[in-house]
Amino acid sequence: MSKPVIATTSLAGCFGCHMSILDIDEKILDLIELVEFNKSPIDDIKHFTKQCDIGLIEGGCCNSENIHVLREFREHCKILVSVGECAIMGGLPAFRNGIPVKECLREAYLLSPSVQANHEYIIPNDEDIPMILDKVYPCHEIVKIDYFLPGCPPRAELIWEALVALIKNRPMDLPYEVIKFD
């Protein structure tokens, strides 16, 4: 019998949710016995090589590349899970949502103390640079999301329990202790 296939990615976020996956400690060895990873920084596979059973998405969508990656995950994953506050609500990157994009770019490329090397005082505009969106979008505003795992980042135990439930096709019975924030 083949193992369920999992894919993971990080969009606009800090990679903390992937660190929580690694924080399941020695259970990572159990996870490797239960699943096969496909497109993921965990195994460094950069492109989908097959359809996946579960996709874990961390981070929201702040640019055109994030939208492309998220839609690709929806297309290649039977179940899609938003992991962490950035994927669920935009998180810290969404703090810029009240500021017009032009103002953000102006501050970053023209007015910041670190732009001293930018003698031309230009805002980069190249087709190879992903277009910044008008705001940071949570994943469910772009594609259908099947499950949400809250936290910043979610506790390792929450990710473990949710994955085992999905892998074994069981209902998620997540007690308060694994989703609490205090």
C-alpha atoms as a PDB file:
ATOM      1  CA  MET A   1       0.000   0.000   0.000  1.00  0.00           C
ATOM      2  CA  SER A   2       1.403   3.399  -0.939  1.00  0.00           C
ATOM      3  CA  LYS A   3       1.874   6.132   1.632  1.00  0.00           C
ATOM      4  CA  PRO A   4      -0.135   9.349   1.594  1.00  0.00           C
ATOM      5  CA  VAL A   5       1.775  12.150  -0.120  1.00  0.00           C
ATOM      6  CA  ILE A   6       2.299  15.525   1.601  1.00  0.00           C
ATOM      7  CA  ALA A   7       3.459  18.814   0.101  1.00  0.00           C
ATOM      8  CA  THR A   8       4.353  21.954   2.061  1.00  0.00           C
ATOM      9  CA  THR A   9       5.236  25.539   1.204  1.00  0.00           C
ATOM     10  CA  SER A  10       5.809  28.911   2.790  1.00  0.00           C
ATOM     11  CA  LEU A  11       4.315  32.036   1.238  1.00  0.00           C
ATOM     12  CA  ALA A  12       4.471  35.487   2.909  1.00  0.00           C
ATOM     13  CA  GLY A  13       5.471  34.496   6.417  1.00  0.00           C
ATOM     14  CA  CYS A  14       8.501  33.725   8.548  1.00  0.00           C
ATOM     15  CA  PHE A  15       8.890  29.946   8.099  1.00  0.00           C
ATOM     16  CA  GLY A  16       7.952  29.462  11.763  1.00  0.00           C
ATOM     17  CA  CYS A  17       5.216  26.950  10.911  1.00  0.00           C
ATOM     18  CA  HIS A  18       7.741  24.736   9.143  1.00  0.00           C
ATOM     19  CA  MET A  19       9.888  25.006  12.257  1.00  0.00           C
ATOM     20  CA  SER A  20       6.891  23.716  14.242  1.00  0.00           C
ATOM     21  CA  ILE A  21       6.709  20.726  11.911  1.00  0.00           C
ATOM     22  CA  LEU A  22      10.342  20.024  12.762  1.00  0.00           C
ATOM     23  CA  ASP A  23       9.522  20.578  16.454  1.00  0.00           C
ATOM     24  CA  ILE A  24       7.575  17.317  16.532  1.00  0.00           C
ATOM     25  CA  ASP A  25      11.081  16.064  17.366  1.00  0.00           C
ATOM     26  CA  GLU A  26      11.533  12.300  17.178  1.00  0.00           C
ATOM     27  CA  LYS A  27       7.983  11.919  15.828  1.00  0.00           C
ATOM     28  CA  ILE A  28       9.412  13.210  12.538  1.00  0.00           C
ATOM     29  CA  LEU A  29      10.784   9.677  12.116  1.00  0.00           C
ATOM     30  CA  ASP A  30       7.281   8.299  12.660  1.00  0.00           C
ATOM     31  CA  LEU A  31       5.951  10.819  10.137  1.00  0.00           C
ATOM     32  CA  ILE A  32       8.471   9.668   7.533  1.00  0.00           C
ATOM     33  CA  GLU A  33       7.180   6.113   8.038  1.00  0.00           C
ATOM     34  CA  LEU A  34       3.578   7.295   7.547  1.00  0.00           C
ATOM     35  CA  VAL A  35       3.947   9.640   4.548  1.00  0.00           C
ATOM     36  CA  GLU A  36       5.956  10.541   1.497  1.00  0.00           C
ATOM     37  CA  PHE A  37       6.908  14.192   1.046  1.00  0.00           C
ATOM     38  CA  ASN A  38       6.686  15.670  -2.420  1.00  0.00           C
ATOM     39  CA  LYS A  39       7.108  19.399  -3.142  1.00  0.00           C
ATOM     40  CA  SER A  40       8.466  20.716   0.138  1.00  0.00           C
ATOM     41  CA  PRO A  41      11.441  22.466   1.685  1.00  0.00           C
ATOM     42  CA  ILE A  42      11.598  19.459   4.027  1.00  0.00           C
ATOM     43  CA  ASP A  43      12.882  17.243   1.193  1.00  0.00           C
ATOM     44  CA  ASP A  44      13.964  20.062  -1.157  1.00  0.00           C
ATOM     45  CA  ILE A  45      11.739  18.866  -4.023  1.00  0.00           C
ATOM     46  CA  LYS A  46      11.005  22.103  -5.875  1.00  0.00           C
ATOM     47  CA  HIS A  47       8.235  20.985  -8.265  1.00  0.00           C
ATOM     48  CA  PHE A  48       5.259  18.670  -7.943  1.00  0.00           C
ATOM     49  CA  THR A  49       6.051  15.228  -9.322  1.00  0.00           C
ATOM     50  CA  LYS A  50       2.618  13.753  -8.556  1.00  0.00           C
ATOM     51  CA  GLN A  51      -0.767  14.497  -7.046  1.00  0.00           C
ATOM     52  CA  CYS A  52      -0.624  14.951  -3.286  1.00  0.00           C
ATOM     53  CA  ASP A  53      -3.072  13.946  -0.612  1.00  0.00           C
ATOM     54  CA  ILE A  54      -2.346  16.815   1.795  1.00  0.00           C
ATOM     55  CA  GLY A  55      -0.899  20.279   1.226  1.00  0.00           C
ATOM     56  CA  LEU A  56       0.245  22.412   4.146  1.00  0.00           C
ATOM     57  CA  ILE A  57       0.406  26.151   3.410  1.00  0.00           C
ATOM     58  CA  GLU A  58       2.054  28.651   5.708  1.00  0.00           C
ATOM     59  CA  GLY A  59       1.988  32.370   5.011  1.00  0.00           C
ATOM     60  CA  GLY A  60      -0.446  34.629   3.233  1.00  0.00           C
ATOM     61  CA  CYS A  61      -0.362  36.054  -0.283  1.00  0.00           C
ATOM     62  CA  CYS A  62       1.457  39.362  -0.703  1.00  0.00           C
ATOM     63  CA  ASN A  63       2.615  39.068  -4.317  1.00  0.00           C
ATOM     64  CA  SER A  64       1.768  37.429  -7.640  1.00  0.00           C
ATOM     65  CA  GLU A  65       4.165  34.532  -7.057  1.00  0.00           C
ATOM     66  CA  ASN A  66       2.388  33.643  -3.776  1.00  0.00           C
ATOM     67  CA  ILE A  67      -0.933  33.516  -5.676  1.00  0.00           C
ATOM     68  CA  HIS A  68       0.591  31.272  -8.352  1.00  0.00           C
ATOM     69  CA  VAL A  69       2.086  28.868  -5.780  1.00  0.00           C
ATOM     70  CA  LEU A  70      -1.149  28.721  -3.767  1.00  0.00           C
ATOM     71  CA  ARG A  71      -3.253  27.958  -6.858  1.00  0.00           C
ATOM     72  CA  GLU A  72      -0.731  25.304  -7.887  1.00  0.00           C
ATOM     73  CA  PHE A  73      -1.088  23.694  -4.436  1.00  0.00           C
ATOM     74  CA  ARG A  74      -4.893  23.739  -4.712  1.00  0.00           C
ATOM     75  CA  GLU A  75      -4.621  22.049  -8.101  1.00  0.00           C
ATOM     76  CA  HIS A  76      -2.201  19.352  -6.904  1.00  0.00           C
ATOM     77  CA  CYS A  77      -3.516  18.618  -3.369  1.00  0.00           C
ATOM     78  CA  LYS A  78      -6.727  16.808  -2.442  1.00  0.00           C
ATOM     79  CA  ILE A  79      -6.760  18.450   1.017  1.00  0.00           C
ATOM     80  CA  LEU A  80      -5.339  21.917   1.628  1.00  0.00           C
ATOM     81  CA  VAL A  81      -4.558  23.124   5.151  1.00  0.00           C
ATOM     82  CA  SER A  82      -3.837  26.748   6.150  1.00  0.00           C
ATOM     83  CA  VAL A  83      -1.196  26.527   8.856  1.00  0.00           C
ATOM     84  CA  GLY A  84      -0.681  29.509  11.159  1.00  0.00           C
ATOM     85  CA  GLU A  85      -2.011  33.026  11.471  1.00  0.00           C
ATOM     86  CA  CYS A  86      -0.335  34.354   8.314  1.00  0.00           C
ATOM     87  CA  ALA A  87      -2.135  31.767   6.165  1.00  0.00           C
ATOM     88  CA  ILE A  88      -5.407  32.179   8.074  1.00  0.00           C
ATOM     89  CA  MET A  89      -5.565  35.982   8.518  1.00  0.00           C
ATOM     90  CA  GLY A  90      -2.486  37.476   6.845  1.00  0.00           C
ATOM     91  CA  GLY A  91      -0.505  37.657  10.104  1.00  0.00           C
ATOM     92  CA  LEU A  92       2.273  40.187  10.608  1.00  0.00           C
ATOM     93  CA  PRO A  93       2.773  40.794   6.868  1.00  0.00           C
ATOM     94  CA  ALA A  94      -0.828  42.088   6.761  1.00  0.00           C
ATOM     95  CA  PHE A  95       0.142  44.997   9.020  1.00  0.00           C
ATOM     96  CA  ARG A  96       0.896  46.812   5.761  1.00  0.00           C
ATOM     97  CA  ASN A  97      -2.719  46.426   4.595  1.00  0.00           C
ATOM     98  CA  GLY A  98      -3.671  49.912   5.787  1.00  0.00           C
ATOM     99  CA  ILE A  99      -0.829  51.529   3.847  1.00  0.00           C
ATOM    100  CA  PRO A 100      -1.002  52.076   0.074  1.00  0.00           C
ATOM    101  CA  VAL A 101       1.493  49.915  -1.869  1.00  0.00           C
ATOM    102  CA  LYS A 102       3.113  52.985  -3.457  1.00  0.00           C
ATOM    103  CA  GLU A 103       3.865  54.337   0.009  1.00  0.00           C
ATOM    104  CA  CYS A 104       5.365  50.992   1.124  1.00  0.00           C
ATOM    105  CA  LEU A 105       7.611  50.850  -1.958  1.00  0.00           C
ATOM    106  CA  ARG A 106       8.624  54.477  -1.563  1.00  0.00           C
ATOM    107  CA  GLU A 107       9.633  53.879   2.049  1.00  0.00           C
ATOM    108  CA  ALA A 108      11.493  50.651   1.252  1.00  0.00           C
ATOM    109  CA  TYR A 109      13.382  51.792  -1.836  1.00  0.00           C
ATOM    110  CA  LEU A 110      13.666  55.569  -1.599  1.00  0.00           C
ATOM    111  CA  LEU A 111      13.512  56.732   2.018  1.00  0.00           C
ATOM    112  CA  SER A 112      14.925  53.872   4.087  1.00  0.00           C
ATOM    113  CA  PRO A 113      18.362  54.324   5.718  1.00  0.00           C
ATOM    114  CA  SER A 114      19.526  51.220   3.855  1.00  0.00           C
ATOM    115  CA  VAL A 115      19.046  52.729   0.359  1.00  0.00           C
ATOM    116  CA  GLN A 116      22.288  54.639   0.283  1.00  0.00           C
ATOM    117  CA  ALA A 117      23.534  52.336  -2.512  1.00  0.00           C
ATOM    118  CA  ASN A 118      20.416  53.138  -4.571  1.00  0.00           C
ATOM    119  CA  HIS A 119      21.950  56.273  -6.105  1.00  0.00           C
ATOM    120  CA  GLU A 120      19.396  56.335  -8.908  1.00  0.00           C
ATOM    121  CA  TYR A 121      16.532  56.368  -6.408  1.00  0.00           C
ATOM    122  CA  ILE A 122      14.345  54.005  -8.381  1.00  0.00           C
ATOM    123  CA  ILE A 123      11.743  51.509  -7.336  1.00  0.00           C
ATOM    124  CA  PRO A 124      12.613  48.155  -8.979  1.00  0.00           C
ATOM    125  CA  ASN A 125      10.198  47.247 -11.739  1.00  0.00           C
ATOM    126  CA  ASP A 126      11.232  44.134 -13.615  1.00  0.00           C
ATOM    127  CA  GLU A 127       9.098  41.338 -15.034  1.00  0.00           C
ATOM    128  CA  ASP A 128      11.148  38.799 -13.030  1.00  0.00           C
ATOM    129  CA  ILE A 129      10.144  40.442  -9.735  1.00  0.00           C
ATOM    130  CA  PRO A 130       6.730  39.274  -8.471  1.00  0.00           C
ATOM    131  CA  MET A 131       4.120  42.031  -8.507  1.00  0.00           C
ATOM    132  CA  ILE A 132       3.182  43.217  -5.029  1.00  0.00           C
ATOM    133  CA  LEU A 133      -0.544  42.943  -4.347  1.00  0.00           C
ATOM    134  CA  ASP A 134      -2.733  45.743  -3.006  1.00  0.00           C
ATOM    135  CA  LYS A 135      -2.812  43.928   0.339  1.00  0.00           C
ATOM    136  CA  VAL A 136      -1.798  40.663   1.985  1.00  0.00           C
ATOM    137  CA  TYR A 137      -4.564  38.109   1.472  1.00  0.00           C
ATOM    138  CA  PRO A 138      -5.257  35.100   3.691  1.00  0.00           C
ATOM    139  CA  CYS A 139      -5.199  31.868   1.690  1.00  0.00           C
ATOM    140  CA  HIS A 140      -8.937  31.188   1.898  1.00  0.00           C
ATOM    141  CA  GLU A 141      -9.628  34.434   0.010  1.00  0.00           C
ATOM    142  CA  ILE A 142      -7.711  33.023  -2.969  1.00  0.00           C
ATOM    143  CA  VAL A 143      -8.542  29.274  -3.013  1.00  0.00           C
ATOM    144  CA  LYS A 144     -10.728  26.809  -1.124  1.00  0.00           C
ATOM    145  CA  ILE A 145      -9.056  25.746   2.121  1.00  0.00           C
ATOM    146  CA  ASP A 146     -10.216  22.549   3.807  1.00  0.00           C
ATOM    147  CA  TYR A 147      -8.729  22.943   7.311  1.00  0.00           C
ATOM    148  CA  PHE A 148      -7.202  25.679   9.476  1.00  0.00           C
ATOM    149  CA  LEU A 149      -4.535  25.152  12.153  1.00  0.00           C
ATOM    150  CA  PRO A 150      -4.275  28.321  14.268  1.00  0.00           C
ATOM    151  CA  GLY A 151      -1.250  29.670  16.075  1.00  0.00           C
ATOM    152  CA  CYS A 152       1.812  31.774  15.501  1.00  0.00           C
ATOM    153  CA  PRO A 153       3.191  29.293  14.901  1.00  0.00           C
ATOM    154  CA  PRO A 154       0.822  26.401  15.657  1.00  0.00           C
ATOM    155  CA  ARG A 155       2.140  24.133  18.342  1.00  0.00           C
ATOM    156  CA  ALA A 156       4.013  21.086  17.078  1.00  0.00           C
ATOM    157  CA  GLU A 157       1.538  18.808  18.854  1.00  0.00           C
ATOM    158  CA  LEU A 158      -1.370  20.429  16.972  1.00  0.00           C
ATOM    159  CA  ILE A 159       0.320  19.849  13.619  1.00  0.00           C
ATOM    160  CA  TRP A 160       1.165  16.255  14.573  1.00  0.00           C
ATOM    161  CA  GLU A 161      -2.373  15.429  15.763  1.00  0.00           C
ATOM    162  CA  ALA A 162      -3.968  17.042  12.694  1.00  0.00           C
ATOM    163  CA  LEU A 163      -1.649  15.255  10.277  1.00  0.00           C
ATOM    164  CA  VAL A 164      -2.202  11.865  11.905  1.00  0.00           C
ATOM    165  CA  ALA A 165      -5.977  12.391  11.769  1.00  0.00           C
ATOM    166  CA  LEU A 166      -5.837  13.334   8.085  1.00  0.00           C
ATOM    167  CA  ILE A 167      -3.434  10.516   7.203  1.00  0.00           C
ATOM    168  CA  LYS A 168      -5.552   7.921   8.997  1.00  0.00           C
ATOM    169  CA  ASN A 169      -8.801   9.424   7.683  1.00  0.00           C
ATOM    170  CA  ARG A 170     -10.088  10.085  11.208  1.00  0.00           C
ATOM    171  CA  PRO A 171     -12.011  13.092  12.455  1.00  0.00           C
ATOM    172  CA  MET A 172      -9.794  15.718  14.030  1.00  0.00           C
ATOM    173  CA  ASP A 173     -10.304  15.448  17.759  1.00  0.00           C
ATOM    174  CA  LEU A 174      -8.103  18.317  18.868  1.00  0.00           C
ATOM    175  CA  PRO A 175      -8.422  19.040  22.574  1.00  0.00           C
ATOM    176  CA  TYR A 176      -8.011  22.560  23.870  1.00  0.00           C
ATOM    177  CA  GLU A 177      -4.550  21.718  25.168  1.00  0.00           C
ATOM    178  CA  VAL A 178      -3.143  21.414  21.631  1.00  0.00           C
ATOM    179  CA  ILE A 179      -4.721  24.605  20.239  1.00  0.00           C
ATOM    180  CA  LYS A 180      -4.467  26.976  23.228  1.00  0.00           C
ATOM    181  CA  PHE A 181      -2.217  30.009  22.983  1.00  0.00           C
ATOM    182  CA  ASP A 182      -1.398  30.661  26.657  1.00  0.00           C
END
